């Protein structure tokens, strides 16, 4: 039986009003082996497209064909969950095409490895909040507003991007705009 000790120094719950960003952080003095994390986040455009294509591949038809069959009663009613998820994805994508705004939120439970957990430093969590509240037009502006070095901010953004917490959207030739994808994060150490 593998056991490890975790000494808890502090437990804090912060509510950041700009996006109702809730973080439950448990600070420890020992190495964290793994962490269960609950995320409420927006999907990126590529993720929405990928999920739509996955549904099309799995069911060998477009959503419109699936919808017609489902609504006419030719498909099993137990596929209602698939229908609603696929319809929501298609609706979000069409909204993006028409208005340029993508709005599709999901809730995920992820089991972070110790390497991924190590990426969640206090500075990076603070940077997530700053991205949401400051609405910086570039990484340079974000670094200025947070009074941090541009290189360090960029490295932290890349780490947060690897976790799926932020997106770095190109605007123009050189300008990169950081955007938070998360609305809520709950970290639980096991």
N, C-alpha and C. Protein backbone atom coordinates (compact mmCIF):
# COMPACT_ATOMS: atom_id res chain seq x y z
N UNK A 1 0.83 -1.18 0.00
CA UNK A 1 0.00 0.00 0.00
C UNK A 1 0.88 1.24 0.00
N UNK A 2 0.73 2.07 -1.02
CA UNK A 2 1.49 3.31 -1.10
C UNK A 2 0.78 4.42 -0.33
N UNK A 3 1.49 5.04 0.57
CA UNK A 3 0.94 6.15 1.34
C UNK A 3 1.89 7.32 1.26
N UNK A 4 1.34 8.49 1.35
CA UNK A 4 2.17 9.67 1.45
C UNK A 4 1.49 10.65 2.38
N UNK A 5 2.30 11.47 3.03
CA UNK A 5 1.76 12.45 3.96
C UNK A 5 1.68 13.80 3.27
N UNK A 6 0.63 14.50 3.54
CA UNK A 6 0.47 15.85 3.04
C UNK A 6 0.11 16.72 4.22
N UNK A 7 0.94 17.68 4.48
CA UNK A 7 0.65 18.62 5.54
C UNK A 7 0.00 19.84 4.90
N UNK A 8 -1.16 20.20 5.36
CA UNK A 8 -1.89 21.32 4.80
C UNK A 8 -1.54 22.58 5.58
N UNK A 9 -1.04 23.59 4.88
CA UNK A 9 -0.73 24.87 5.50
C UNK A 9 -1.94 25.79 5.49
N UNK A 10 -2.64 25.81 4.35
CA UNK A 10 -3.77 26.74 4.25
C UNK A 10 -4.74 26.24 3.20
N UNK A 11 -5.97 26.54 3.41
CA UNK A 11 -7.00 26.26 2.41
C UNK A 11 -7.71 27.59 2.18
N UNK A 12 -7.78 28.00 0.94
CA UNK A 12 -8.46 29.26 0.68
C UNK A 12 -9.38 29.12 -0.52
N UNK A 13 -10.44 29.86 -0.49
CA UNK A 13 -11.40 29.87 -1.59
C UNK A 13 -11.54 31.31 -2.03
N UNK A 14 -11.22 31.58 -3.27
CA UNK A 14 -11.27 32.94 -3.79
C UNK A 14 -12.33 33.03 -4.88
N UNK A 15 -13.14 34.06 -4.81
CA UNK A 15 -14.12 34.28 -5.87
C UNK A 15 -13.70 35.55 -6.58
N UNK A 16 -13.40 35.44 -7.88
CA UNK A 16 -13.03 36.56 -8.70
C UNK A 16 -14.25 36.94 -9.53
N UNK A 17 -14.85 38.07 -9.27
CA UNK A 17 -16.11 38.44 -9.86
C UNK A 17 -16.11 38.58 -11.38
N UNK A 18 -15.03 39.00 -12.05
CA UNK A 18 -15.14 39.20 -13.49
C UNK A 18 -15.66 37.99 -14.25
N UNK A 19 -15.31 36.79 -13.85
CA UNK A 19 -15.82 35.60 -14.56
C UNK A 19 -16.27 34.53 -13.58
N UNK A 20 -16.57 34.92 -12.36
CA UNK A 20 -16.94 33.95 -11.33
C UNK A 20 -15.90 32.84 -11.25
N UNK A 21 -14.65 33.22 -11.28
CA UNK A 21 -13.52 32.31 -11.28
C UNK A 21 -13.28 31.86 -9.85
N UNK A 22 -13.53 30.61 -9.53
CA UNK A 22 -13.38 30.11 -8.17
C UNK A 22 -12.18 29.18 -8.12
N UNK A 23 -11.29 29.43 -7.21
CA UNK A 23 -10.13 28.56 -7.07
C UNK A 23 -10.06 28.10 -5.62
N UNK A 24 -10.04 26.80 -5.43
CA UNK A 24 -9.82 26.22 -4.12
C UNK A 24 -8.39 25.69 -4.15
N UNK A 25 -7.52 26.34 -3.43
CA UNK A 25 -6.11 25.98 -3.48
C UNK A 25 -5.70 25.38 -2.14
N UNK A 26 -5.09 24.24 -2.20
CA UNK A 26 -4.55 23.62 -0.99
C UNK A 26 -3.04 23.63 -1.13
N UNK A 27 -2.38 24.38 -0.27
CA UNK A 27 -0.93 24.49 -0.32
C UNK A 27 -0.33 23.40 0.55
N UNK A 28 0.68 22.74 0.03
CA UNK A 28 1.29 21.64 0.78
C UNK A 28 2.79 21.83 0.90
N UNK A 29 3.37 21.10 1.82
CA UNK A 29 4.82 21.18 1.99
C UNK A 29 5.51 19.94 1.46
N UNK A 30 4.78 18.94 0.99
CA UNK A 30 5.37 17.74 0.42
C UNK A 30 5.07 17.68 -1.07
N UNK A 31 5.72 16.78 -1.73
CA UNK A 31 5.51 16.60 -3.16
C UNK A 31 4.09 16.11 -3.42
N UNK A 32 3.44 16.73 -4.37
CA UNK A 32 2.09 16.32 -4.73
C UNK A 32 2.20 15.20 -5.76
N UNK A 33 1.56 14.08 -5.49
CA UNK A 33 1.63 12.94 -6.40
C UNK A 33 0.65 13.11 -7.55
N UNK A 34 -0.59 13.42 -7.24
CA UNK A 34 -1.57 13.68 -8.30
C UNK A 34 -2.66 14.57 -7.74
N UNK A 35 -3.43 15.15 -8.65
CA UNK A 35 -4.47 16.06 -8.24
C UNK A 35 -5.67 15.90 -9.15
N UNK A 36 -6.83 15.84 -8.56
CA UNK A 36 -8.06 15.82 -9.33
C UNK A 36 -8.51 17.27 -9.49
N UNK A 37 -8.86 17.64 -10.70
CA UNK A 37 -9.22 19.02 -10.96
C UNK A 37 -10.55 19.06 -11.72
N UNK A 38 -11.42 19.93 -11.27
CA UNK A 38 -12.71 20.15 -11.92
C UNK A 38 -12.64 21.51 -12.60
N UNK A 39 -12.92 21.52 -13.90
CA UNK A 39 -12.80 22.75 -14.70
C UNK A 39 -14.11 23.03 -15.40
N UNK A 40 -14.53 24.26 -15.35
CA UNK A 40 -15.62 24.73 -16.21
C UNK A 40 -14.95 25.70 -17.17
N UNK A 41 -14.96 25.34 -18.45
CA UNK A 41 -14.23 26.15 -19.42
C UNK A 41 -14.94 26.21 -20.76
N UNK A 42 -14.53 27.19 -21.54
CA UNK A 42 -15.04 27.34 -22.90
C UNK A 42 -14.15 26.54 -23.85
N UNK A 43 -14.78 25.88 -24.81
CA UNK A 43 -14.01 25.17 -25.83
C UNK A 43 -13.48 26.17 -26.85
N UNK A 44 -12.34 25.84 -27.42
CA UNK A 44 -11.80 26.64 -28.51
C UNK A 44 -12.52 26.27 -29.80
N UNK A 45 -12.35 27.08 -30.82
CA UNK A 45 -12.96 26.81 -32.12
C UNK A 45 -12.49 25.46 -32.65
N UNK A 46 -11.21 25.18 -32.55
CA UNK A 46 -10.67 23.90 -33.04
C UNK A 46 -11.29 22.71 -32.30
N UNK A 47 -11.50 22.85 -30.99
CA UNK A 47 -12.11 21.77 -30.22
C UNK A 47 -13.56 21.54 -30.65
N UNK A 48 -14.30 22.62 -30.90
CA UNK A 48 -15.69 22.49 -31.34
C UNK A 48 -15.73 21.79 -32.70
N UNK A 49 -14.89 22.24 -33.64
CA UNK A 49 -14.83 21.61 -34.97
C UNK A 49 -14.47 20.13 -34.86
N UNK A 50 -13.50 19.83 -34.02
CA UNK A 50 -13.05 18.44 -33.85
C UNK A 50 -14.16 17.56 -33.30
N UNK A 51 -14.90 18.06 -32.32
CA UNK A 51 -15.99 17.27 -31.73
C UNK A 51 -17.12 17.05 -32.74
N UNK A 52 -17.40 18.07 -33.55
CA UNK A 52 -18.44 17.92 -34.58
C UNK A 52 -18.00 16.86 -35.59
N UNK A 53 -16.74 16.93 -36.02
CA UNK A 53 -16.22 15.93 -36.97
C UNK A 53 -16.25 14.53 -36.37
N UNK A 54 -15.96 14.43 -35.08
CA UNK A 54 -15.99 13.13 -34.40
C UNK A 54 -17.41 12.55 -34.42
N UNK A 55 -18.41 13.37 -34.15
CA UNK A 55 -19.80 12.91 -34.23
C UNK A 55 -20.15 12.47 -35.65
N UNK A 56 -19.73 13.26 -36.64
CA UNK A 56 -20.01 12.91 -38.04
C UNK A 56 -19.38 11.58 -38.42
N UNK A 57 -18.16 11.36 -37.95
CA UNK A 57 -17.46 10.11 -38.24
C UNK A 57 -18.12 8.93 -37.53
N UNK A 58 -18.46 9.10 -36.25
CA UNK A 58 -19.08 8.02 -35.47
C UNK A 58 -20.43 7.60 -36.03
N UNK A 59 -21.20 8.56 -36.55
CA UNK A 59 -22.56 8.27 -37.00
C UNK A 59 -22.70 8.26 -38.53
N UNK A 60 -21.58 8.51 -39.20
CA UNK A 60 -21.52 8.44 -40.66
C UNK A 60 -22.59 9.30 -41.33
N UNK A 61 -22.78 10.52 -40.79
CA UNK A 61 -23.74 11.46 -41.38
C UNK A 61 -23.51 12.84 -40.80
N UNK A 62 -24.09 13.86 -41.44
CA UNK A 62 -24.00 15.22 -40.92
C UNK A 62 -25.01 15.39 -39.79
N UNK A 63 -24.88 16.48 -39.06
CA UNK A 63 -25.83 16.74 -37.99
C UNK A 63 -27.24 16.91 -38.55
N UNK A 64 -27.39 17.62 -39.66
CA UNK A 64 -28.71 17.85 -40.23
C UNK A 64 -29.40 16.53 -40.59
N UNK A 65 -28.63 15.58 -41.12
CA UNK A 65 -29.19 14.25 -41.43
C UNK A 65 -29.59 13.52 -40.15
N UNK A 66 -28.70 13.58 -39.14
CA UNK A 66 -28.97 12.95 -37.85
C UNK A 66 -30.22 13.54 -37.22
N UNK A 67 -30.31 14.88 -37.25
CA UNK A 67 -31.45 15.57 -36.65
C UNK A 67 -32.77 15.17 -37.32
N UNK A 68 -32.73 15.11 -38.64
CA UNK A 68 -33.94 14.72 -39.38
C UNK A 68 -34.39 13.31 -38.98
N UNK A 69 -33.45 12.38 -38.91
CA UNK A 69 -33.78 11.01 -38.52
C UNK A 69 -34.27 10.94 -37.07
N UNK A 70 -33.60 11.68 -36.20
CA UNK A 70 -33.96 11.66 -34.78
C UNK A 70 -35.35 12.24 -34.56
N UNK A 71 -35.61 13.40 -35.15
CA UNK A 71 -36.90 14.06 -34.95
C UNK A 71 -38.06 13.31 -35.61
N UNK A 72 -37.77 12.56 -36.65
CA UNK A 72 -38.83 11.79 -37.31
C UNK A 72 -39.08 10.45 -36.60
N UNK A 73 -38.29 10.16 -35.56
CA UNK A 73 -38.49 8.94 -34.79
C UNK A 73 -37.81 7.72 -35.37
N UNK A 74 -36.93 7.91 -36.34
CA UNK A 74 -36.25 6.78 -36.99
C UNK A 74 -35.00 6.35 -36.21
N UNK A 75 -34.62 7.13 -35.23
CA UNK A 75 -33.49 6.76 -34.37
C UNK A 75 -34.00 6.52 -32.96
N UNK A 76 -33.31 5.67 -32.23
CA UNK A 76 -33.67 5.34 -30.86
C UNK A 76 -33.68 6.60 -29.99
N UNK A 77 -34.71 6.77 -29.20
CA UNK A 77 -34.85 7.95 -28.32
C UNK A 77 -33.76 8.01 -27.25
N UNK A 78 -33.10 6.90 -27.01
CA UNK A 78 -32.00 6.90 -26.03
C UNK A 78 -30.79 7.68 -26.55
N UNK A 79 -30.83 8.09 -27.81
CA UNK A 79 -29.74 8.89 -28.39
C UNK A 79 -29.96 10.38 -28.14
N UNK A 80 -30.88 10.70 -27.25
CA UNK A 80 -31.20 12.10 -26.99
C UNK A 80 -30.00 12.88 -26.46
N UNK A 81 -29.17 12.24 -25.63
CA UNK A 81 -27.97 12.90 -25.11
C UNK A 81 -27.01 13.27 -26.24
N UNK A 82 -26.83 12.34 -27.17
CA UNK A 82 -25.97 12.60 -28.33
C UNK A 82 -26.56 13.74 -29.16
N UNK A 83 -27.88 13.67 -29.36
CA UNK A 83 -28.55 14.71 -30.15
C UNK A 83 -28.32 16.10 -29.54
N UNK A 84 -28.55 16.24 -28.24
CA UNK A 84 -28.41 17.55 -27.60
C UNK A 84 -26.97 18.05 -27.59
N UNK A 85 -26.03 17.16 -27.34
CA UNK A 85 -24.63 17.60 -27.34
C UNK A 85 -24.20 18.04 -28.74
N UNK A 86 -24.53 17.23 -29.75
CA UNK A 86 -24.17 17.54 -31.13
C UNK A 86 -24.87 18.82 -31.57
N UNK A 87 -26.14 18.98 -31.22
CA UNK A 87 -26.89 20.19 -31.58
C UNK A 87 -26.26 21.43 -30.94
N UNK A 88 -25.85 21.31 -29.70
CA UNK A 88 -25.22 22.44 -29.01
C UNK A 88 -23.90 22.84 -29.67
N UNK A 89 -23.11 21.84 -30.05
CA UNK A 89 -21.85 22.12 -30.74
C UNK A 89 -22.10 22.82 -32.07
N UNK A 90 -23.04 22.29 -32.85
CA UNK A 90 -23.36 22.88 -34.16
C UNK A 90 -23.91 24.30 -33.98
N UNK A 91 -24.77 24.49 -33.01
CA UNK A 91 -25.34 25.81 -32.73
C UNK A 91 -24.22 26.81 -32.37
N UNK A 92 -23.30 26.38 -31.51
CA UNK A 92 -22.18 27.25 -31.11
C UNK A 92 -21.32 27.59 -32.33
N UNK A 93 -21.05 26.60 -33.17
CA UNK A 93 -20.23 26.85 -34.36
C UNK A 93 -20.93 27.81 -35.32
N UNK A 94 -22.21 27.59 -35.56
CA UNK A 94 -22.96 28.48 -36.46
C UNK A 94 -23.02 29.90 -35.89
N UNK A 95 -23.15 30.02 -34.59
CA UNK A 95 -23.12 31.33 -33.95
C UNK A 95 -21.80 32.02 -34.17
N UNK A 96 -20.72 31.25 -34.13
CA UNK A 96 -19.39 31.80 -34.38
C UNK A 96 -19.28 32.29 -35.84
N UNK A 97 -19.75 31.48 -36.77
CA UNK A 97 -19.67 31.84 -38.19
C UNK A 97 -20.47 33.11 -38.46
N UNK A 98 -21.64 33.22 -37.84
CA UNK A 98 -22.51 34.37 -38.08
C UNK A 98 -22.07 35.62 -37.33
N UNK A 99 -21.63 35.47 -36.10
CA UNK A 99 -21.33 36.65 -35.28
C UNK A 99 -19.91 36.78 -34.79
N UNK A 100 -19.07 35.78 -35.05
CA UNK A 100 -17.68 35.85 -34.61
C UNK A 100 -17.46 35.53 -33.15
N UNK A 101 -18.50 35.13 -32.45
CA UNK A 101 -18.40 34.82 -31.02
C UNK A 101 -18.68 33.34 -30.80
N UNK A 102 -17.74 32.65 -30.14
CA UNK A 102 -17.91 31.23 -29.85
C UNK A 102 -18.26 31.07 -28.38
N UNK A 103 -19.36 30.40 -28.09
CA UNK A 103 -19.79 30.23 -26.72
C UNK A 103 -20.23 28.79 -26.50
N UNK A 104 -19.30 27.96 -26.01
CA UNK A 104 -19.62 26.57 -25.68
C UNK A 104 -18.83 26.21 -24.43
N UNK A 105 -19.54 25.98 -23.34
CA UNK A 105 -18.93 25.73 -22.04
C UNK A 105 -19.11 24.26 -21.67
N UNK A 106 -18.05 23.67 -21.12
CA UNK A 106 -18.10 22.29 -20.67
C UNK A 106 -17.56 22.20 -19.24
N UNK A 107 -17.92 21.12 -18.57
CA UNK A 107 -17.36 20.80 -17.26
C UNK A 107 -16.54 19.53 -17.42
N UNK A 108 -15.32 19.57 -16.96
CA UNK A 108 -14.42 18.42 -17.07
C UNK A 108 -13.85 18.06 -15.71
N UNK A 109 -13.61 16.79 -15.51
CA UNK A 109 -12.81 16.32 -14.39
C UNK A 109 -11.53 15.77 -14.99
N UNK A 110 -10.41 16.27 -14.54
CA UNK A 110 -9.13 15.79 -15.05
C UNK A 110 -8.25 15.37 -13.89
N UNK A 111 -7.49 14.32 -14.12
CA UNK A 111 -6.54 13.84 -13.14
C UNK A 111 -5.17 14.32 -13.59
N UNK A 112 -4.67 15.35 -12.92
CA UNK A 112 -3.38 15.92 -13.31
C UNK A 112 -2.23 15.08 -12.76
N UNK A 113 -1.24 14.90 -13.60
CA UNK A 113 -0.02 14.22 -13.16
C UNK A 113 0.76 15.18 -12.27
N UNK A 114 1.79 14.68 -11.61
CA UNK A 114 2.59 15.55 -10.75
C UNK A 114 3.28 16.64 -11.57
N UNK A 115 3.64 16.33 -12.84
CA UNK A 115 4.27 17.32 -13.71
C UNK A 115 3.28 18.43 -14.06
N UNK A 116 2.03 18.06 -14.36
CA UNK A 116 1.01 19.06 -14.68
C UNK A 116 0.65 19.88 -13.45
N UNK A 117 0.58 19.22 -12.30
CA UNK A 117 0.28 19.92 -11.05
C UNK A 117 1.35 20.96 -10.76
N UNK A 118 2.60 20.64 -11.05
CA UNK A 118 3.70 21.57 -10.81
C UNK A 118 3.56 22.83 -11.65
N UNK A 119 2.82 22.77 -12.75
CA UNK A 119 2.61 23.94 -13.60
C UNK A 119 1.68 24.97 -12.95
N UNK A 120 0.92 24.56 -11.96
CA UNK A 120 -0.05 25.46 -11.33
C UNK A 120 0.58 26.21 -10.16
N UNK A 121 1.47 27.11 -10.48
CA UNK A 121 2.12 27.93 -9.46
C UNK A 121 1.19 29.08 -9.07
N UNK A 122 1.41 29.66 -7.89
CA UNK A 122 0.60 30.82 -7.50
C UNK A 122 0.66 31.97 -8.52
N UNK A 123 1.83 32.20 -9.10
CA UNK A 123 1.97 33.27 -10.11
C UNK A 123 1.11 32.98 -11.33
N UNK A 124 1.02 31.73 -11.74
CA UNK A 124 0.22 31.37 -12.92
C UNK A 124 -1.27 31.47 -12.62
N UNK A 125 -1.68 31.09 -11.42
CA UNK A 125 -3.09 31.23 -11.05
C UNK A 125 -3.44 32.71 -10.98
N UNK A 126 -2.54 33.52 -10.44
CA UNK A 126 -2.74 34.97 -10.40
C UNK A 126 -2.82 35.54 -11.82
N UNK A 127 -2.01 35.00 -12.72
CA UNK A 127 -2.02 35.45 -14.12
C UNK A 127 -3.36 35.11 -14.78
N UNK A 128 -3.93 33.97 -14.47
CA UNK A 128 -5.26 33.62 -14.99
C UNK A 128 -6.28 34.68 -14.61
N UNK A 129 -6.26 35.06 -13.35
CA UNK A 129 -7.18 36.09 -12.88
C UNK A 129 -6.92 37.41 -13.60
N UNK A 130 -5.66 37.76 -13.76
CA UNK A 130 -5.31 39.01 -14.43
C UNK A 130 -5.78 39.04 -15.87
N UNK A 131 -5.65 37.93 -16.58
CA UNK A 131 -6.12 37.86 -17.97
C UNK A 131 -7.62 38.14 -18.02
N UNK A 132 -8.35 37.55 -17.10
CA UNK A 132 -9.81 37.72 -17.08
C UNK A 132 -10.23 39.13 -16.69
N UNK A 133 -9.54 39.72 -15.75
CA UNK A 133 -9.98 41.01 -15.23
C UNK A 133 -9.39 42.21 -15.96
N UNK A 134 -8.20 42.06 -16.52
CA UNK A 134 -7.53 43.22 -17.14
C UNK A 134 -7.80 43.38 -18.63
N UNK A 135 -8.19 42.32 -19.29
CA UNK A 135 -8.49 42.36 -20.73
C UNK A 135 -7.35 43.03 -21.53
N UNK A 136 -6.17 42.49 -21.39
CA UNK A 136 -4.99 43.02 -22.08
C UNK A 136 -5.05 42.71 -23.57
N UNK A 137 -4.62 43.67 -24.39
CA UNK A 137 -4.65 43.52 -25.84
C UNK A 137 -3.44 42.77 -26.40
N UNK A 138 -2.47 42.49 -25.55
CA UNK A 138 -1.28 41.77 -25.98
C UNK A 138 -0.55 41.23 -24.76
N UNK A 139 0.42 40.37 -25.02
CA UNK A 139 1.24 39.84 -23.92
C UNK A 139 2.05 40.96 -23.29
N UNK A 140 2.57 41.86 -24.11
CA UNK A 140 3.33 43.00 -23.58
C UNK A 140 2.48 43.85 -22.64
N UNK A 141 1.25 44.13 -23.04
CA UNK A 141 0.34 44.94 -22.20
C UNK A 141 0.02 44.20 -20.90
N UNK A 142 -0.17 42.89 -21.00
CA UNK A 142 -0.45 42.09 -19.80
C UNK A 142 0.74 42.14 -18.85
N UNK A 143 1.94 42.02 -19.40
CA UNK A 143 3.15 42.09 -18.57
C UNK A 143 3.26 43.46 -17.89
N UNK A 144 2.96 44.53 -18.64
CA UNK A 144 3.00 45.88 -18.06
C UNK A 144 1.98 46.02 -16.94
N UNK A 145 0.75 45.56 -17.19
CA UNK A 145 -0.33 45.71 -16.20
C UNK A 145 -0.09 44.89 -14.94
N UNK A 146 0.60 43.75 -15.09
CA UNK A 146 0.88 42.90 -13.92
C UNK A 146 2.25 43.19 -13.31
N UNK A 147 2.98 44.12 -13.95
CA UNK A 147 4.33 44.50 -13.48
C UNK A 147 5.26 43.30 -13.42
N UNK A 148 5.23 42.51 -14.52
CA UNK A 148 6.08 41.32 -14.63
C UNK A 148 6.88 41.39 -15.91
N UNK A 149 7.93 40.61 -15.97
CA UNK A 149 8.78 40.51 -17.15
C UNK A 149 8.00 39.83 -18.28
N UNK A 150 8.12 40.36 -19.50
CA UNK A 150 7.39 39.84 -20.65
C UNK A 150 7.74 38.38 -20.91
N UNK A 151 9.02 38.04 -20.83
CA UNK A 151 9.46 36.67 -21.08
C UNK A 151 8.84 35.69 -20.07
N UNK A 152 8.81 36.08 -18.80
CA UNK A 152 8.22 35.23 -17.76
C UNK A 152 6.71 35.08 -17.96
N UNK A 153 6.04 36.17 -18.33
CA UNK A 153 4.60 36.11 -18.59
C UNK A 153 4.34 35.18 -19.76
N UNK A 154 5.14 35.29 -20.83
CA UNK A 154 4.97 34.43 -21.99
C UNK A 154 5.16 32.95 -21.62
N UNK A 155 6.20 32.66 -20.85
CA UNK A 155 6.44 31.27 -20.43
C UNK A 155 5.28 30.74 -19.58
N UNK A 156 4.76 31.58 -18.69
CA UNK A 156 3.62 31.16 -17.87
C UNK A 156 2.37 30.95 -18.73
N UNK A 157 2.17 31.80 -19.74
CA UNK A 157 1.03 31.64 -20.64
C UNK A 157 1.13 30.34 -21.43
N UNK A 158 2.32 29.99 -21.87
CA UNK A 158 2.52 28.73 -22.61
C UNK A 158 2.22 27.53 -21.70
N UNK A 159 2.60 27.61 -20.44
CA UNK A 159 2.31 26.53 -19.50
C UNK A 159 0.80 26.41 -19.28
N UNK A 160 0.13 27.54 -19.12
CA UNK A 160 -1.32 27.53 -18.93
C UNK A 160 -2.05 27.09 -20.20
N UNK A 161 -1.48 27.42 -21.35
CA UNK A 161 -2.05 26.97 -22.63
C UNK A 161 -1.93 25.45 -22.74
N UNK A 162 -0.82 24.89 -22.29
CA UNK A 162 -0.64 23.44 -22.36
C UNK A 162 -1.66 22.70 -21.50
N UNK A 163 -2.16 23.35 -20.46
CA UNK A 163 -3.19 22.76 -19.61
C UNK A 163 -4.60 23.01 -20.16
N UNK A 164 -4.70 23.87 -21.18
CA UNK A 164 -6.01 24.19 -21.77
C UNK A 164 -6.74 25.29 -21.02
N UNK A 165 -6.02 26.06 -20.23
CA UNK A 165 -6.65 27.12 -19.43
C UNK A 165 -6.69 28.46 -20.16
N UNK A 166 -5.76 28.67 -21.09
CA UNK A 166 -5.75 29.92 -21.87
C UNK A 166 -5.56 29.61 -23.35
N UNK A 167 -5.96 30.56 -24.16
CA UNK A 167 -5.71 30.50 -25.60
C UNK A 167 -4.91 31.74 -25.96
N UNK A 168 -3.98 31.56 -26.87
CA UNK A 168 -3.19 32.68 -27.37
C UNK A 168 -3.63 32.93 -28.81
N UNK A 169 -4.42 33.99 -28.99
CA UNK A 169 -5.02 34.28 -30.29
C UNK A 169 -4.19 35.33 -31.00
N UNK A 170 -3.79 35.01 -32.24
CA UNK A 170 -3.02 35.96 -33.04
C UNK A 170 -3.94 37.03 -33.58
N UNK A 171 -3.47 38.27 -33.49
CA UNK A 171 -4.20 39.41 -34.03
C UNK A 171 -3.19 40.22 -34.83
N UNK A 172 -3.36 40.23 -36.13
CA UNK A 172 -2.37 40.90 -36.97
C UNK A 172 -1.16 40.02 -37.18
N UNK A 173 -0.06 40.66 -37.51
CA UNK A 173 1.15 39.89 -37.82
C UNK A 173 1.90 39.42 -36.58
N UNK A 174 1.99 40.29 -35.56
CA UNK A 174 2.83 39.94 -34.42
C UNK A 174 2.11 39.95 -33.08
N UNK A 175 0.95 40.55 -33.02
CA UNK A 175 0.26 40.71 -31.75
C UNK A 175 -0.46 39.42 -31.34
N UNK A 176 -0.20 38.97 -30.13
CA UNK A 176 -0.85 37.78 -29.58
C UNK A 176 -1.66 38.22 -28.37
N UNK A 177 -2.96 37.88 -28.40
CA UNK A 177 -3.86 38.26 -27.32
C UNK A 177 -4.14 37.04 -26.43
N UNK A 178 -3.79 37.12 -25.14
CA UNK A 178 -4.09 36.01 -24.24
C UNK A 178 -5.55 36.07 -23.81
N UNK A 179 -6.22 34.91 -23.83
CA UNK A 179 -7.62 34.83 -23.41
C UNK A 179 -7.78 33.66 -22.47
N UNK A 180 -8.48 33.87 -21.38
CA UNK A 180 -8.75 32.76 -20.46
C UNK A 180 -9.90 31.92 -21.00
N UNK A 181 -9.78 30.63 -20.88
CA UNK A 181 -10.83 29.71 -21.30
C UNK A 181 -11.61 29.17 -20.11
N UNK A 182 -11.09 29.37 -18.91
CA UNK A 182 -11.71 28.79 -17.73
C UNK A 182 -12.61 29.80 -17.02
N UNK A 183 -13.73 29.31 -16.52
CA UNK A 183 -14.62 30.11 -15.70
C UNK A 183 -14.51 29.70 -14.24
N UNK A 184 -14.19 28.44 -14.01
CA UNK A 184 -14.09 27.94 -12.65
C UNK A 184 -13.08 26.80 -12.62
N UNK A 185 -12.27 26.79 -11.56
CA UNK A 185 -11.32 25.69 -11.34
C UNK A 185 -11.43 25.29 -9.88
N UNK A 186 -11.54 23.99 -9.64
CA UNK A 186 -11.50 23.48 -8.28
C UNK A 186 -10.40 22.43 -8.25
N UNK A 187 -9.42 22.63 -7.40
CA UNK A 187 -8.29 21.70 -7.26
C UNK A 187 -8.47 20.89 -5.98
N UNK A 188 -8.37 19.58 -6.10
CA UNK A 188 -8.48 18.71 -4.93
C UNK A 188 -7.27 17.79 -4.89
N UNK A 189 -6.56 17.84 -3.82
CA UNK A 189 -5.39 16.96 -3.70
C UNK A 189 -5.83 15.66 -3.06
N UNK A 190 -5.38 14.55 -3.69
CA UNK A 190 -5.74 13.23 -3.16
C UNK A 190 -4.55 12.61 -2.50
